[in-house]
Amino acid sequence: MIKRLLPLAATAAAAAAAAAGAWLLSKYLAGRPRTFTYEGAIYVRHADGRFTGAGGAPVISPQLEKVEAHWARQG
C-alpha cells in the first residue's frame, strides 16, 4: 500500500512546490518597476503607481495624463 502511495505523494509534493514557486514569482514580478515606451520616450511605472522617465525624473502634467492613459490601454 505504501509503495502505491509513494508516487502519488511525490507528485503532490512537486505540485505544491510548483505552486509555491509560481506564487513567489508573481509577488516578485508585481513589485518590480515596469518599463515601456510611449511616443519615443522610455517610462517606468513603479509598484506604487508612480511614473518616471528612464532617468528617474518624475513625469509631470500634462504629459502625465497621456502616459497614464497609454498605460491603462496597454494593461
PDB file of N, CA and C in Angstrom:
ATOM      1  N   MET A   1       0.827  -1.189   0.000  1.00  0.00           N
ATOM      2  CA  MET A   1       0.000   0.000   0.000  1.00  0.00           C
ATOM      3  C   MET A   1       0.874   1.258   0.000  1.00  0.00           C
ATOM      4  N   ILE A   2       1.916   1.246   0.819  1.00  0.00           N
ATOM      5  CA  ILE A   2       2.809   2.400   0.889  1.00  0.00           C
ATOM      6  C   ILE A   2       3.497   2.605  -0.454  1.00  0.00           C
ATOM      7  N   LYS A   3       3.878   1.537  -1.114  1.00  0.00           N
ATOM      8  CA  LYS A   3       4.560   1.655  -2.398  1.00  0.00           C
ATOM      9  C   LYS A   3       3.648   2.271  -3.455  1.00  0.00           C
ATOM     10  N   ARG A   4       2.337   2.041  -3.335  1.00  0.00           N
ATOM     11  CA  ARG A   4       1.407   2.638  -4.295  1.00  0.00           C
ATOM     12  C   ARG A   4       1.181   4.114  -4.001  1.00  0.00           C
ATOM     13  N   LEU A   5       1.249   4.524  -2.756  1.00  0.00           N
ATOM     14  CA  LEU A   5       1.001   5.910  -2.383  1.00  0.00           C
ATOM     15  C   LEU A   5       2.233   6.796  -2.549  1.00  0.00           C
ATOM     16  N   LEU A   6       3.394   6.204  -2.581  1.00  0.00           N
ATOM     17  CA  LEU A   6       4.624   6.980  -2.694  1.00  0.00           C
ATOM     18  C   LEU A   6       4.688   7.836  -3.973  1.00  0.00           C
ATOM     19  N   PRO A   7       4.380   7.299  -5.158  1.00  0.00           N
ATOM     20  CA  PRO A   7       4.388   8.165  -6.344  1.00  0.00           C
ATOM     21  C   PRO A   7       3.340   9.282  -6.272  1.00  0.00           C
ATOM     22  N   LEU A   8       2.209   8.983  -5.680  1.00  0.00           N
ATOM     23  CA  LEU A   8       1.171   9.993  -5.526  1.00  0.00           C
ATOM     24  C   LEU A   8       1.646  11.110  -4.596  1.00  0.00           C
ATOM     25  N   ALA A   9       2.307  10.747  -3.528  1.00  0.00           N
ATOM     26  CA  ALA A   9       2.827  11.744  -2.589  1.00  0.00           C
ATOM     27  C   ALA A   9       3.920  12.587  -3.246  1.00  0.00           C
ATOM     28  N   ALA A  10       4.755  11.943  -4.039  1.00  0.00           N
ATOM     29  CA  ALA A  10       5.818  12.681  -4.728  1.00  0.00           C
ATOM     30  C   ALA A  10       5.224  13.662  -5.733  1.00  0.00           C
ATOM     31  N   THR A  11       4.183  13.249  -6.429  1.00  0.00           N
ATOM     32  CA  THR A  11       3.519  14.137  -7.389  1.00  0.00           C
ATOM     33  C   THR A  11       2.865  15.306  -6.672  1.00  0.00           C
ATOM     34  N   ALA A  12       2.223  15.038  -5.556  1.00  0.00           N
ATOM     35  CA  ALA A  12       1.584  16.103  -4.782  1.00  0.00           C
ATOM     36  C   ALA A  12       2.623  17.090  -4.248  1.00  0.00           C
ATOM     37  N   ALA A  13       3.750  16.583  -3.803  1.00  0.00           N
ATOM     38  CA  ALA A  13       4.812  17.457  -3.294  1.00  0.00           C
ATOM     39  C   ALA A  13       5.383  18.322  -4.425  1.00  0.00           C
ATOM     40  N   ALA A  14       5.552  17.746  -5.598  1.00  0.00           N
ATOM     41  CA  ALA A  14       6.055  18.510  -6.737  1.00  0.00           C
ATOM     42  C   ALA A  14       5.057  19.589  -7.157  1.00  0.00           C
ATOM     43  N   ALA A  15       3.782  19.261  -7.138  1.00  0.00           N
ATOM     44  CA  ALA A  15       2.752  20.244  -7.488  1.00  0.00           C
ATOM     45  C   ALA A  15       2.715  21.373  -6.464  1.00  0.00           C
ATOM     46  N   ALA A  16       2.857  21.047  -5.191  1.00  0.00           N
ATOM     47  CA  ALA A  16       2.868  22.076  -4.152  1.00  0.00           C
ATOM     48  C   ALA A  16       4.094  22.980  -4.298  1.00  0.00           C
ATOM     49  N   ALA A  17       5.226  22.396  -4.617  1.00  0.00           N
ATOM     50  CA  ALA A  17       6.440  23.194  -4.811  1.00  0.00           C
ATOM     51  C   ALA A  17       6.297  24.104  -6.032  1.00  0.00           C
ATOM     52  N   ALA A  18       5.696  23.601  -7.097  1.00  0.00           N
ATOM     53  CA  ALA A  18       5.483  24.420  -8.292  1.00  0.00           C
ATOM     54  C   ALA A  18       4.522  25.565  -8.001  1.00  0.00           C
ATOM     55  N   ALA A  19       3.473  25.294  -7.248  1.00  0.00           N
ATOM     56  CA  ALA A  19       2.510  26.345  -6.905  1.00  0.00           C
ATOM     57  C   ALA A  19       3.166  27.407  -6.026  1.00  0.00           C
ATOM     58  N   ALA A  20       3.963  26.983  -5.074  1.00  0.00           N
ATOM     59  CA  ALA A  20       4.653  27.937  -4.206  1.00  0.00           C
ATOM     60  C   ALA A  20       5.642  28.775  -5.021  1.00  0.00           C
ATOM     61  N   GLY A  21       6.343  28.153  -5.948  1.00  0.00           N
ATOM     62  CA  GLY A  21       7.271  28.881  -6.800  1.00  0.00           C
ATOM     63  C   GLY A  21       6.559  29.892  -7.683  1.00  0.00           C
ATOM     64  N   ALA A  22       5.414  29.514  -8.232  1.00  0.00           N
ATOM     65  CA  ALA A  22       4.643  30.438  -9.064  1.00  0.00           C
ATOM     66  C   ALA A  22       4.144  31.618  -8.239  1.00  0.00           C
ATOM     67  N   TRP A  23       3.717  31.360  -7.019  1.00  0.00           N
ATOM     68  CA  TRP A  23       3.236  32.433  -6.145  1.00  0.00           C
ATOM     69  C   TRP A  23       4.375  33.401  -5.819  1.00  0.00           C
ATOM     70  N   LEU A  24       5.538  32.871  -5.473  1.00  0.00           N
ATOM     71  CA  LEU A  24       6.688  33.731  -5.173  1.00  0.00           C
ATOM     72  C   LEU A  24       7.109  34.545  -6.390  1.00  0.00           C
ATOM     73  N   LEU A  25       7.098  33.932  -7.562  1.00  0.00           N
ATOM     74  CA  LEU A  25       7.456  34.650  -8.779  1.00  0.00           C
ATOM     75  C   LEU A  25       6.466  35.771  -9.056  1.00  0.00           C
ATOM     76  N   SER A  26       5.183  35.527  -8.847  1.00  0.00           N
ATOM     77  CA  SER A  26       4.197  36.577  -9.088  1.00  0.00           C
ATOM     78  C   SER A  26       4.387  37.737  -8.123  1.00  0.00           C
ATOM     79  N   LYS A  27       4.735  37.457  -6.872  1.00  0.00           N
ATOM     80  CA  LYS A  27       4.989  38.529  -5.906  1.00  0.00           C
ATOM     81  C   LYS A  27       6.252  39.314  -6.288  1.00  0.00           C
ATOM     82  N   TYR A  28       7.259  38.622  -6.777  1.00  0.00           N
ATOM     83  CA  TYR A  28       8.487  39.289  -7.201  1.00  0.00           C
ATOM     84  C   TYR A  28       8.219  40.191  -8.402  1.00  0.00           C
ATOM     85  N   LEU A  29       7.505  39.675  -9.384  1.00  0.00           N
ATOM     86  CA  LEU A  29       7.231  40.457 -10.585  1.00  0.00           C
ATOM     87  C   LEU A  29       6.281  41.615 -10.323  1.00  0.00           C
ATOM     88  N   ALA A  30       5.373  41.459  -9.372  1.00  0.00           N
ATOM     89  CA  ALA A  30       4.419  42.531  -9.073  1.00  0.00           C
ATOM     90  C   ALA A  30       5.120  43.739  -8.465  1.00  0.00           C
ATOM     91  N   GLY A  31       6.194  43.524  -7.744  1.00  0.00           N
ATOM     92  CA  GLY A  31       6.885  44.618  -7.087  1.00  0.00           C
ATOM     93  C   GLY A  31       7.927  45.311  -7.944  1.00  0.00           C
ATOM     94  N   ARG A  32       8.212  44.752  -9.100  1.00  0.00           N
ATOM     95  CA  ARG A  32       9.248  45.332  -9.954  1.00  0.00           C
ATOM     96  C   ARG A  32       8.701  46.473 -10.786  1.00  0.00           C
ATOM     97  N   PRO A  33       9.509  47.489 -11.036  1.00  0.00           N
ATOM     98  CA  PRO A  33       9.086  48.551 -11.949  1.00  0.00           C
ATOM     99  C   PRO A  33       8.929  48.000 -13.370  1.00  0.00           C
ATOM    100  N   ARG A  34       7.946  48.504 -14.090  1.00  0.00           N
ATOM    101  CA  ARG A  34       7.693  48.079 -15.459  1.00  0.00           C
ATOM    102  C   ARG A  34       8.117  49.190 -16.406  1.00  0.00           C
ATOM    103  N   THR A  35       8.888  48.853 -17.406  1.00  0.00           N
ATOM    104  CA  THR A  35       9.380  49.816 -18.377  1.00  0.00           C
ATOM    105  C   THR A  35       8.561  49.706 -19.658  1.00  0.00           C
ATOM    106  N   PHE A  36       8.217  50.843 -20.242  1.00  0.00           N
ATOM    107  CA  PHE A  36       7.502  50.857 -21.514  1.00  0.00           C
ATOM    108  C   PHE A  36       7.851  52.126 -22.271  1.00  0.00           C
ATOM    109  N   THR A  37       7.560  52.118 -23.567  1.00  0.00           N
ATOM    110  CA  THR A  37       7.826  53.291 -24.381  1.00  0.00           C
ATOM    111  C   THR A  37       6.514  53.929 -24.812  1.00  0.00           C
ATOM    112  N   TYR A  38       6.533  55.233 -24.929  1.00  0.00           N
ATOM    113  CA  TYR A  38       5.380  55.983 -25.401  1.00  0.00           C
ATOM    114  C   TYR A  38       5.894  57.218 -26.122  1.00  0.00           C
ATOM    115  N   GLU A  39       5.486  57.372 -27.361  1.00  0.00           N
ATOM    116  CA  GLU A  39       5.912  58.481 -28.210  1.00  0.00           C
ATOM    117  C   GLU A  39       7.435  58.637 -28.243  1.00  0.00           C
ATOM    118  N   GLY A  40       8.133  57.520 -28.327  1.00  0.00           N
ATOM    119  CA  GLY A  40       9.582  57.531 -28.460  1.00  0.00           C
ATOM    120  C   GLY A  40      10.362  57.702 -27.170  1.00  0.00           C
ATOM    121  N   ALA A  41       9.679  57.907 -26.049  1.00  0.00           N
ATOM    122  CA  ALA A  41      10.373  58.073 -24.764  1.00  0.00           C
ATOM    123  C   ALA A  41      10.162  56.819 -23.916  1.00  0.00           C
ATOM    124  N   ILE A  42      11.100  56.567 -23.035  1.00  0.00           N
ATOM    125  CA  ILE A  42      11.013  55.408 -22.146  1.00  0.00           C
ATOM    126  C   ILE A  42      10.499  55.876 -20.789  1.00  0.00           C
ATOM    127  N   TYR A  43       9.477  55.184 -20.294  1.00  0.00           N
ATOM    128  CA  TYR A  43       8.891  55.500 -19.000  1.00  0.00           C
ATOM    129  C   TYR A  43       8.947  54.275 -18.105  1.00  0.00           C
ATOM    130  N   VAL A  44       8.885  54.521 -16.800  1.00  0.00           N
ATOM    131  CA  VAL A  44       8.892  53.447 -15.816  1.00  0.00           C
ATOM    132  C   VAL A  44       7.673  53.621 -14.924  1.00  0.00           C
ATOM    133  N   ARG A  45       6.881  52.540 -14.767  1.00  0.00           N
ATOM    134  CA  ARG A  45       5.771  52.557 -13.824  1.00  0.00           C
ATOM    135  C   ARG A  45       6.202  51.747 -12.615  1.00  0.00           C
ATOM    136  N   HIS A  46       6.207  52.389 -11.478  1.00  0.00           N
ATOM    137  CA  HIS A  46       6.643  51.746 -10.244  1.00  0.00           C
ATOM    138  C   HIS A  46       5.482  51.021  -9.573  1.00  0.00           C
ATOM    139  N   ALA A  47       5.792  50.153  -8.633  1.00  0.00           N
ATOM    140  CA  ALA A  47       4.767  49.364  -7.955  1.00  0.00           C
ATOM    141  C   ALA A  47       3.778  50.233  -7.196  1.00  0.00           C
ATOM    142  N   ASP A  48       4.197  51.401  -6.754  1.00  0.00           N
ATOM    143  CA  ASP A  48       3.291  52.281  -6.017  1.00  0.00           C
ATOM    144  C   ASP A  48       2.465  53.175  -6.932  1.00  0.00           C
ATOM    145  N   GLY A  49       2.586  52.995  -8.258  1.00  0.00           N
ATOM    146  CA  GLY A  49       1.767  53.735  -9.201  1.00  0.00           C
ATOM    147  C   GLY A  49       2.415  54.965  -9.797  1.00  0.00           C
ATOM    148  N   ARG A  50       3.607  55.312  -9.347  1.00  0.00           N
ATOM    149  CA  ARG A  50       4.300  56.481  -9.895  1.00  0.00           C
ATOM    150  C   ARG A  50       4.814  56.186 -11.292  1.00  0.00           C
ATOM    151  N   PHE A  51       4.874  57.224 -12.105  1.00  0.00           N
ATOM    152  CA  PHE A  51       5.513  57.148 -13.409  1.00  0.00           C
ATOM    153  C   PHE A  51       6.728  58.053 -13.391  1.00  0.00           C
ATOM    154  N   THR A  52       7.849  57.540 -13.883  1.00  0.00           N
ATOM    155  CA  THR A  52       9.054  58.347 -14.016  1.00  0.00           C
ATOM    156  C   THR A  52       9.632  58.121 -15.402  1.00  0.00           C
ATOM    157  N   GLY A  53      10.487  59.039 -15.800  1.00  0.00           N
ATOM    158  CA  GLY A  53      11.237  58.829 -17.025  1.00  0.00           C
ATOM    159  C   GLY A  53      12.324  57.803 -16.768  1.00  0.00           C
ATOM    160  N   ALA A  54      12.990  57.391 -17.827  1.00  0.00           N
ATOM    161  CA  ALA A  54      14.032  56.371 -17.675  1.00  0.00           C
ATOM    162  C   ALA A  54      15.151  56.839 -16.760  1.00  0.00           C
ATOM    163  N   GLY A  55      15.398  58.146 -16.691  1.00  0.00           N
ATOM    164  CA  GLY A  55      16.451  58.671 -15.832  1.00  0.00           C
ATOM    165  C   GLY A  55      16.035  58.861 -14.387  1.00  0.00           C
ATOM    166  N   GLY A  56      14.753  58.646 -14.087  1.00  0.00           N
ATOM    167  CA  GLY A  56      14.277  58.773 -12.712  1.00  0.00           C
ATOM    168  C   GLY A  56      13.514  60.052 -12.434  1.00  0.00           C
ATOM    169  N   ALA A  57      13.466  60.961 -13.405  1.00  0.00           N
ATOM    170  CA  ALA A  57      12.728  62.214 -13.203  1.00  0.00           C
ATOM    171  C   ALA A  57      11.231  61.939 -13.242  1.00  0.00           C
ATOM    172  N   PRO A  58      10.464  62.535 -12.348  1.00  0.00           N
ATOM    173  CA  PRO A  58       9.016  62.302 -12.364  1.00  0.00           C
ATOM    174  C   PRO A  58       8.374  62.870 -13.631  1.00  0.00           C
ATOM    175  N   VAL A  59       7.338  62.212 -14.086  1.00  0.00           N
ATOM    176  CA  VAL A  59       6.584  62.684 -15.247  1.00  0.00           C
ATOM    177  C   VAL A  59       5.593  63.725 -14.737  1.00  0.00           C
ATOM    178  N   ILE A  60       5.600  64.889 -15.366  1.00  0.00           N
ATOM    179  CA  ILE A  60       4.741  65.976 -14.889  1.00  0.00           C
ATOM    180  C   ILE A  60       3.583  66.205 -15.859  1.00  0.00           C
ATOM    181  N   SER A  61       2.573  66.881 -15.373  1.00  0.00           N
ATOM    182  CA  SER A  61       1.397  67.215 -16.159  1.00  0.00           C
ATOM    183  C   SER A  61       1.818  68.190 -17.254  1.00  0.00           C
ATOM    184  N   PRO A  62       1.288  68.170 -18.442  1.00  0.00           N
ATOM    185  CA  PRO A  62       0.184  67.373 -18.976  1.00  0.00           C
ATOM    186  C   PRO A  62       0.625  66.026 -19.538  1.00  0.00           C
ATOM    187  N   GLN A  63       1.920  65.793 -19.623  1.00  0.00           N
ATOM    188  CA  GLN A  63       2.399  64.511 -20.153  1.00  0.00           C
ATOM    189  C   GLN A  63       1.958  63.351 -19.273  1.00  0.00           C
ATOM    190  N   LEU A  64       1.812  63.576 -17.979  1.00  0.00           N
ATOM    191  CA  LEU A  64       1.430  62.511 -17.060  1.00  0.00           C
ATOM    192  C   LEU A  64       0.082  61.911 -17.442  1.00  0.00           C
ATOM    193  N   GLU A  65      -0.888  62.745 -17.793  1.00  0.00           N
ATOM    194  CA  GLU A  65      -2.201  62.227 -18.166  1.00  0.00           C
ATOM    195  C   GLU A  65      -2.122  61.357 -19.420  1.00  0.00           C
ATOM    196  N   LYS A  66      -1.297  61.767 -20.366  1.00  0.00           N
ATOM    197  CA  LYS A  66      -1.128  60.981 -21.591  1.00  0.00           C
ATOM    198  C   LYS A  66      -0.468  59.637 -21.301  1.00  0.00           C
ATOM    199  N   VAL A  67       0.551  59.670 -20.446  1.00  0.00           N
ATOM    200  CA  VAL A  67       1.257  58.430 -20.106  1.00  0.00           C
ATOM    201  C   VAL A  67       0.348  57.490 -19.323  1.00  0.00           C
ATOM    202  N   GLU A  68      -0.424  58.029 -18.365  1.00  0.00           N
ATOM    203  CA  GLU A  68      -1.357  57.196 -17.605  1.00  0.00           C
ATOM    204  C   GLU A  68      -2.411  56.578 -18.519  1.00  0.00           C
ATOM    205  N   ALA A  69      -2.926  57.350 -19.462  1.00  0.00           N
ATOM    206  CA  ALA A  69      -3.929  56.825 -20.393  1.00  0.00           C
ATOM    207  C   ALA A  69      -3.327  55.734 -21.265  1.00  0.00           C
ATOM    208  N   HIS A  70      -2.089  55.927 -21.722  1.00  0.00           N
ATOM    209  CA  HIS A  70      -1.421  54.898 -22.523  1.00  0.00           C
ATOM    210  C   HIS A  70      -1.225  53.626 -21.702  1.00  0.00           C
ATOM    211  N   TRP A  71      -0.827  53.777 -20.449  1.00  0.00           N
ATOM    212  CA  TRP A  71      -0.627  52.614 -19.577  1.00  0.00           C
ATOM    213  C   TRP A  71      -1.935  51.867 -19.375  1.00  0.00           C
ATOM    214  N   ALA A  72      -3.025  52.584 -19.182  1.00  0.00           N
ATOM    215  CA  ALA A  72      -4.333  51.948 -18.976  1.00  0.00           C
ATOM    216  C   ALA A  72      -4.753  51.168 -20.224  1.00  0.00           C
ATOM    217  N   ARG A  73      -4.474  51.703 -21.409  1.00  0.00           N
ATOM    218  CA  ARG A  73      -4.822  50.988 -22.638  1.00  0.00           C
ATOM    219  C   ARG A  73      -3.979  49.752 -22.832  1.00  0.00           C
ATOM    220  N   GLN A  74      -2.716  49.822 -22.442  1.00  0.00           N
ATOM    221  CA  GLN A  74      -1.805  48.691 -22.638  1.00  0.00           C
ATOM    222  C   GLN A  74      -2.038  47.577 -21.635  1.00  0.00           C
ATOM    223  N   GLY A  75      -2.573  47.920 -20.476  1.00  0.00           N
ATOM    224  CA  GLY A  75      -2.862  46.917 -19.448  1.00  0.00           C
ATOM    225  C   GLY A  75      -1.659  46.559 -18.708  1.00  0.00           C
TER     226      GLY A  75
END
